[in-house]
C-alpha atoms as a PDB file:
ATOM      1  CA  MET A   1     -69.216 -86.321  40.040  1.00  0.00           C
ATOM      2  CA  TYR A   2     -66.585 -88.054  41.935  1.00  0.00           C
ATOM      3  CA  LEU A   3     -65.151 -89.795  38.997  1.00  0.00           C
ATOM      4  CA  MET A   4     -63.546 -86.629  38.689  1.00  0.00           C
ATOM      5  CA  LYS A   5     -59.819 -86.152  39.815  1.00  0.00           C
ATOM      6  CA  PRO A   6     -60.004 -83.294  42.066  1.00  0.00           C
ATOM      7  CA  LEU A   7     -63.033 -85.015  44.500  1.00  0.00           C
ATOM      8  CA  GLY A   8     -60.590 -87.915  44.362  1.00  0.00           C
ATOM      9  CA  GLY A   9     -61.748 -89.934  41.808  1.00  0.00           C
ATOM     10  CA  LYS A  10     -59.763 -91.892  38.657  1.00  0.00           C
ATOM     11  CA  GLY A  11     -60.298 -88.989  36.515  1.00  0.00           C
ATOM     12  CA  VAL A  12     -62.435 -91.426  34.238  1.00  0.00           C
ATOM     13  CA  LEU A  13     -64.767 -90.099  31.198  1.00  0.00           C
ATOM     14  CA  MET A  14     -67.796 -91.822  31.822  1.00  0.00           C
ATOM     15  CA  GLY A  15     -67.874 -91.930  27.487  1.00  0.00           C
ATOM     16  CA  GLY A  16     -64.374 -92.038  27.096  1.00  0.00           C
ATOM     17  CA  VAL A  17     -62.875 -90.233  24.142  1.00  0.00           C
ATOM     18  CA  PRO A  18     -60.750 -91.651  20.884  1.00  0.00           C
ATOM     19  CA  GLY A  19     -57.758 -93.072  21.906  1.00  0.00           C
ATOM     20  CA  VAL A  20     -59.067 -93.585  26.131  1.00  0.00           C
ATOM     21  CA  ALA A  21     -61.855 -96.346  27.085  1.00  0.00           C
ATOM     22  CA  PRO A  22     -64.988 -95.522  28.895  1.00  0.00           C
ATOM     23  CA  ALA A  23     -65.384 -95.808  32.345  1.00  0.00           C
ATOM     24  CA  HIS A  24     -66.755 -99.373  33.770  1.00  0.00           C
ATOM     25  CA  VAL A  25     -69.772 -99.504  36.321  1.00  0.00           C
ATOM     26  CA  VAL A  26     -71.251-102.115  37.292  1.00  0.00           C
ATOM     27  CA  ILE A  27     -74.435-102.123  38.252  1.00  0.00           C
ATOM     28  CA  LEU A  28     -75.669-104.983  41.413  1.00  0.00           C
ATOM     29  CA  GLY A  29     -79.597-105.402  41.168  1.00  0.00           C
ATOM     30  CA  ALA A  30     -81.940-105.261  37.603  1.00  0.00           C
ATOM     31  CA  GLY A  31     -84.952-103.460  39.158  1.00  0.00           C
ATOM     32  CA  VAL A  32     -86.186 -99.622  38.906  1.00  0.00           C
ATOM     33  CA  VAL A  33     -82.770 -98.230  40.511  1.00  0.00           C
ATOM     34  CA  GLY A  34     -80.233-100.705  38.852  1.00  0.00           C
ATOM     35  CA  THR A  35     -82.336 -99.753  35.782  1.00  0.00           C
ATOM     36  CA  ASN A  36     -82.346 -96.115  35.730  1.00  0.00           C
ATOM     37  CA  ALA A  37     -78.796 -96.056  36.413  1.00  0.00           C
ATOM     38  CA  LEU A  38     -78.302 -98.261  33.491  1.00  0.00           C
ATOM     39  CA  GLN A  39     -80.327 -95.502  31.141  1.00  0.00           C
ATOM     40  CA  MET A  40     -78.026 -92.870  32.398  1.00  0.00           C
ATOM     41  CA  ALA A  41     -74.894 -94.979  32.077  1.00  0.00           C
ATOM     42  CA  VAL A  42     -75.505 -95.946  28.693  1.00  0.00           C
ATOM     43  CA  GLY A  43     -77.283 -92.693  27.889  1.00  0.00           C
ATOM     44  CA  LEU A  44     -73.068 -91.273  28.809  1.00  0.00           C
ATOM     45  CA  GLY A  45     -71.720 -93.820  26.895  1.00  0.00           C
ATOM     46  CA  ALA A  46     -69.790 -96.156  29.844  1.00  0.00           C
ATOM     47  CA  ARG A  47     -69.162 -99.755  29.531  1.00  0.00           C
ATOM     48  CA  VAL A  48     -72.033-101.315  31.240  1.00  0.00           C
ATOM     49  CA  THR A  49     -72.005-104.853  32.857  1.00  0.00           C
ATOM     50  CA  VAL A  50     -75.078-105.107  35.308  1.00  0.00           C
ATOM     51  CA  LEU A  51     -76.029-108.153  37.717  1.00  0.00           C
ATOM     52  CA  ASP A  52     -78.526-109.810  39.376  1.00  0.00           C
ATOM     53  CA  VAL A  53     -80.183-113.208  40.294  1.00  0.00           C
ATOM     54  CA  ASN A  54     -83.648-112.753  38.076  1.00  0.00           C
ATOM     55  CA  VAL A  55     -82.996-114.377  34.673  1.00  0.00           C
ATOM     56  CA  PRO A  56     -85.300-113.350  32.770  1.00  0.00           C
ATOM     57  CA  ARG A  57     -84.947-109.614  33.621  1.00  0.00           C
ATOM     58  CA  LEU A  58     -81.900-109.933  32.598  1.00  0.00           C
ATOM     59  CA  ARG A  59     -82.646-111.177  29.146  1.00  0.00           C
ATOM     60  CA  GLN A  60     -85.644-108.318  28.951  1.00  0.00           C
ATOM     61  CA  LEU A  61     -82.647-105.910  29.870  1.00  0.00           C
ATOM     62  CA  ASP A  62     -80.394-107.981  26.782  1.00  0.00           C
ATOM     63  CA  GLN A  63     -83.248-107.434  24.109  1.00  0.00           C
ATOM     64  CA  ILE A  64     -83.871-103.803  25.115  1.00  0.00           C
ATOM     65  CA  TYR A  65     -80.001-102.909  24.797  1.00  0.00           C
ATOM     66  CA  GLY A  66     -78.025-105.529  23.198  1.00  0.00           C
ATOM     67  CA  ASN A  67     -74.825-105.559  22.629  1.00  0.00           C
ATOM     68  CA  ARG A  68     -74.521-101.954  24.611  1.00  0.00           C
ATOM     69  CA  ILE A  69     -74.398-104.003  28.398  1.00  0.00           C
ATOM     70  CA  THR A  70     -73.289-107.384  29.723  1.00  0.00           C
ATOM     71  CA  THR A  71     -76.315-108.795  31.901  1.00  0.00           C
ATOM     72  CA  LEU A  72     -74.569-111.676  34.533  1.00  0.00           C
ATOM     73  CA  TYR A  73     -76.107-113.707  37.169  1.00  0.00           C
ATOM     74  CA  SER A  74     -75.272-112.780  40.847  1.00  0.00           C
ATOM     75  CA  THR A  75     -73.188-114.515  42.358  1.00  0.00           C
ATOM     76  CA  GLU A  76     -69.570-114.784  44.414  1.00  0.00           C
ATOM     77  CA  GLN A  77     -67.637-115.410  41.758  1.00  0.00           C
ATOM     78  CA  SER A  78     -69.366-112.846  39.107  1.00  0.00           C
ATOM     79  CA  ARG A  79     -69.613-110.034  41.707  1.00  0.00           C
ATOM     80  CA  ARG A  80     -65.894-110.190  41.801  1.00  0.00           C
ATOM     81  CA  GLY A  81     -65.566-107.919  38.521  1.00  0.00           C
ATOM     82  CA  CYS A  82     -66.781-104.700  41.070  1.00  0.00           C
ATOM     83  CA  MET A  83     -63.036-104.837  41.704  1.00  0.00           C
ATOM     84  CA  VAL A  84     -62.164-103.544  38.910  1.00  0.00           C
ATOM     85  CA  ALA A  85     -65.547-101.471  37.994  1.00  0.00           C
ATOM     86  CA  ASP A  86     -64.937 -97.903  37.872  1.00  0.00           C
ATOM     87  CA  ALA A  87     -67.842 -97.098  39.644  1.00  0.00           C
ATOM     88  CA  VAL A  88     -70.144 -99.576  40.830  1.00  0.00           C
ATOM     89  CA  ILE A  89     -73.655 -98.709  41.845  1.00  0.00           C
ATOM     90  CA  GLY A  90     -75.566-100.804  44.441  1.00  0.00           C
ATOM     91  CA  GLY A  91     -79.215-100.809  44.018  1.00  0.00           C
ATOM     92  CA  ILE A  92     -80.750-104.356  45.780  1.00  0.00           C
ATOM     93  CA  LEU A  93     -83.969-103.917  47.316  1.00  0.00           C
ATOM     94  CA  LEU A  94     -85.646-106.808  49.495  1.00  0.00           C
ATOM     95  CA  PRO A  95     -88.648-105.562  50.366  1.00  0.00           C
ATOM     96  CA  GLY A  96     -88.872-106.375  54.307  1.00  0.00           C
ATOM     97  CA  ALA A  97     -84.934-107.385  54.471  1.00  0.00           C
ATOM     98  CA  ALA A  98     -81.864-105.956  54.666  1.00  0.00           C
ATOM     99  CA  ALA A  99     -79.740-105.467  51.862  1.00  0.00           C
ATOM    100  CA  PRO A 100     -77.506-108.408  51.156  1.00  0.00           C
ATOM    101  CA  LYS A 101     -74.025-107.420  51.662  1.00  0.00           C
ATOM    102  CA  LEU A 102     -72.754-108.270  48.241  1.00  0.00           C
ATOM    103  CA  VAL A 103     -69.474-106.351  48.220  1.00  0.00           C
ATOM    104  CA  THR A 104     -67.350-107.490  50.585  1.00  0.00           C
ATOM    105  CA  ALA A 105     -64.610-105.601  52.783  1.00  0.00           C
ATOM    106  CA  GLU A 106     -61.615-107.692  51.332  1.00  0.00           C
ATOM    107  CA  MET A 107     -62.898-106.373  47.792  1.00  0.00           C
ATOM    108  CA  VAL A 108     -63.385-103.024  48.685  1.00  0.00           C
ATOM    109  CA  GLU A 109     -59.309-103.544  49.250  1.00  0.00           C
ATOM    110  CA  PHE A 110     -58.526-104.637  46.268  1.00  0.00           C
ATOM    111  CA  MET A 111     -60.414-101.704  43.696  1.00  0.00           C
ATOM    112  CA  LYS A 112     -58.475 -99.449  42.621  1.00  0.00           C
ATOM    113  CA  PRO A 113     -58.278 -95.662  44.753  1.00  0.00           C
ATOM    114  CA  GLY A 114     -60.567 -93.416  43.305  1.00  0.00           C
ATOM    115  CA  THR A 115     -63.161 -96.139  42.474  1.00  0.00           C
ATOM    116  CA  VAL A 116     -66.899 -94.909  43.156  1.00  0.00           C
ATOM    117  CA  LEU A 117     -69.442 -97.026  45.167  1.00  0.00           C
ATOM    118  CA  VAL A 118     -72.771 -95.834  45.216  1.00  0.00           C
ATOM    119  CA  ASP A 119     -75.061 -97.447  47.442  1.00  0.00           C
ATOM    120  CA  VAL A 120     -78.883 -96.373  47.039  1.00  0.00           C
ATOM    121  CA  ALA A 121     -79.605 -99.620  49.430  1.00  0.00           C
ATOM    122  CA  ILE A 122     -77.959 -97.924  52.105  1.00  0.00           C
ATOM    123  CA  ASP A 123     -81.831 -96.917  53.858  1.00  0.00           C
ATOM    124  CA  GLN A 124     -81.906-101.004  53.887  1.00  0.00           C
ATOM    125  CA  GLY A 125     -78.453-101.211  55.666  1.00  0.00           C
ATOM    126  CA  GLY A 126     -76.184-100.621  52.436  1.00  0.00           C
ATOM    127  CA  CYS A 127     -74.917-103.892  49.834  1.00  0.00           C
ATOM    128  CA  PHE A 128     -71.448-102.921  50.604  1.00  0.00           C
ATOM    129  CA  GLU A 129     -69.971-104.093  53.482  1.00  0.00           C
ATOM    130  CA  THR A 130     -67.611-100.705  53.754  1.00  0.00           C
ATOM    131  CA  SER A 131     -71.267 -98.720  53.333  1.00  0.00           C
ATOM    132  CA  HIS A 132     -72.831 -96.287  56.003  1.00  0.00           C
ATOM    133  CA  ALA A 133     -75.242 -93.450  55.675  1.00  0.00           C
ATOM    134  CA  THR A 134     -74.274 -90.168  54.740  1.00  0.00           C
ATOM    135  CA  THR A 135     -76.157 -86.960  54.003  1.00  0.00           C
ATOM    136  CA  HIS A 136     -76.258 -84.691  51.522  1.00  0.00           C
ATOM    137  CA  GLN A 137     -74.432 -82.098  53.788  1.00  0.00           C
ATOM    138  CA  ASP A 138     -71.186 -84.563  53.650  1.00  0.00           C
ATOM    139  CA  PRO A 139     -72.529 -87.612  51.349  1.00  0.00           C
ATOM    140  CA  VAL A 140     -68.650 -88.767  50.345  1.00  0.00           C
ATOM    141  CA  TYR A 141     -66.078 -90.649  52.675  1.00  0.00           C
ATOM    142  CA  GLU A 142     -63.369 -92.940  51.736  1.00  0.00           C
ATOM    143  CA  VAL A 143     -61.723 -96.511  52.589  1.00  0.00           C
ATOM    144  CA  ASP A 144     -59.503 -97.663  51.548  1.00  0.00           C
ATOM    145  CA  GLY A 145     -59.048 -95.180  48.730  1.00  0.00           C
ATOM    146  CA  ILE A 146     -62.689 -96.076  47.769  1.00  0.00           C
ATOM    147  CA  ILE A 147     -64.965 -93.274  47.710  1.00  0.00           C
ATOM    148  CA  HIS A 148     -68.520 -94.321  48.993  1.00  0.00           C
ATOM    149  CA  TYR A 149     -71.692 -92.280  48.143  1.00  0.00           C
ATOM    150  CA  CYS A 150     -73.980 -92.992  50.718  1.00  0.00           C
ATOM    151  CA  VAL A 151     -76.940 -90.948  51.144  1.00  0.00           C
ATOM    152  CA  ALA A 152     -80.237 -91.798  52.739  1.00  0.00           C
ATOM    153  CA  ASN A 153     -83.367 -91.879  50.962  1.00  0.00           C
ATOM    154  CA  MET A 154     -81.231 -90.709  47.671  1.00  0.00           C
ATOM    155  CA  PRO A 155     -84.249 -91.859  45.372  1.00  0.00           C
ATOM    156  CA  GLY A 156     -86.374 -89.075  47.499  1.00  0.00           C
ATOM    157  CA  ALA A 157     -83.734 -86.769  46.402  1.00  0.00           C
END
């Protein structure tokens, strides 16, 4: 929704249309949140990249989705791909620990205005350095023209 131009987004269609490329969605984490985000993004026709450190899980997703997605081992270098994404979904969970800050403020600074960051890990501190918790009444804020959606307990809603 926040990719829509009237809401500050880039005005990109998830599935594209003939002659216009689909949105590029980067998903950080291939667990429950990441897999559900992946299913939605692929279903809408987006170009999807999934990053994780669990290679067997990435192989499993490759077997299921084939060439409809790209899987990458998560490194600082591969996460730099977030800077050219239209939407980034952060679904990192380390049980009993704070979420690692995988997207730095510097990376956010170099993203194109209207990019949307969705931090599902906000309950564990968030995986974007620029994240802070929001509410359903006031769900988004901008940093350097980048829309942040960081509603606490998002899956519960």
